[in-house]
Amino acid sequence: MSILYTMIPRAQAANATIVLPEGQDPRVITAAAKAAATQLCKPVVLGTPDEIAAAEATAGTTLAAAGVTAIDPTASGLLPTLAAALHEKRKAKGMTEEGALATVSGNRLYFGGMMLALDLVQGMVAGSIASTGDMLRSAFQCIGTAKGIRLASSAFVMDLRAPSPAGDTTLLFGDCAVNPNPTAEELVDIAHATAVSYRKLLGQQPRVAFLSFSTKGSASHDLVTKVRRAAELTAARFAELGVDAVVDGEIQADAAIVPTVGAAKNKGGAIQGDANVLIFPDLQAGNIGYKLVERLAGATAIGPVLQGLAKPVNDLSRGCSDDDIYATMCVTVLQGME
């Protein structure tokens, strides 16, 4: 059974409100209507009346019929409140009151982001039209990163067609979409955020493996040293913060996910082929890795899930389907739960 079907009841119980800034997209209309019909969450869709009407005509449904709230971000009574809050956040960076109002009224990512910042909603999902860069920029300026984490990152929820050799049906891969060449210290933030994501989404203990082409010194290279240091720093941080997670590395992928290989290659290691969170050394490896598993092994890749932010914001692929948007809304609700 898809991991999504185990997530949906937990999301329904949260009764969260999720803002969807791209109401001009018919896929968003369809996903919002489905989310309302299944009580996944309470969607709020941003768009002018003309934009939403055109999108509804293409989608073949209306937000009103589905009981979904629509807000015109160019004429909403929320504008003064949202603009004042954005000005307070950004005035030290030179943003004026006029500039804040123009930003919130002219850019719906900021309108939605400030709704989240003020706890008017519990999460935001966008990106079917907006670029990832625009999404991240608005998220940083409106929300910022979580306490103790300085770097936002991403993870893919890999819903496996067949269980892994250790019996896992879902793995988290990080970072596969945001940070091209993280330092050892940045890998610590990525691992920390991915472990938190695993705990919130799956409700189980994260077992974190830092991947490399070496297992515990089987090869020597600066790239290996970076990964080894990241694993050591992460273990120290988790011990200091009391994070309930297992950490190991540097470790090769087969030793991380195949128990017989782990026992042979990583004797005495904390991970014995039973990792459920895989941390890639850089974006090239991560992006290649998740696509290979998706295309060759038939796994379903849910994401990229943005993580490390103070409040949940998630980016969509511009080629996403309405089902992808629905799944991302589900993940976003769970990220917002304590």
Foldseek 3Di string as FASTA:
>chain_A
DFLLVVLQVVQLVLQFEEEEECLLALLQQVLQLVCLVSSSYAYEYEDDPVSNVNSCVVNVHHCVVSVHHYDHQQDDPCLLVLLVLLCVLCVVVPQDSVNSSCCRNVPSLSVRLSCCLVVVGQEYEYALPDPPVVNVVSLCSRFNFAPPAHDKAWKKWWQFPAAFQLRDRIAIEPHAPDFFADFLVNLLNGQVFRQLLCCLSVVDAAEEEEEDPDFPPPDDDPLQVRSQSSQVVNVVVCVVVVRRYHTDDDDHPQQQANQVNVCVRPPPTSGRNNGRYYYYRGNVCRNVVVVCCCPVRVIDIQARFMTRTNGGYGHDHNPDGSVSSNSNSSSRSSSSDD
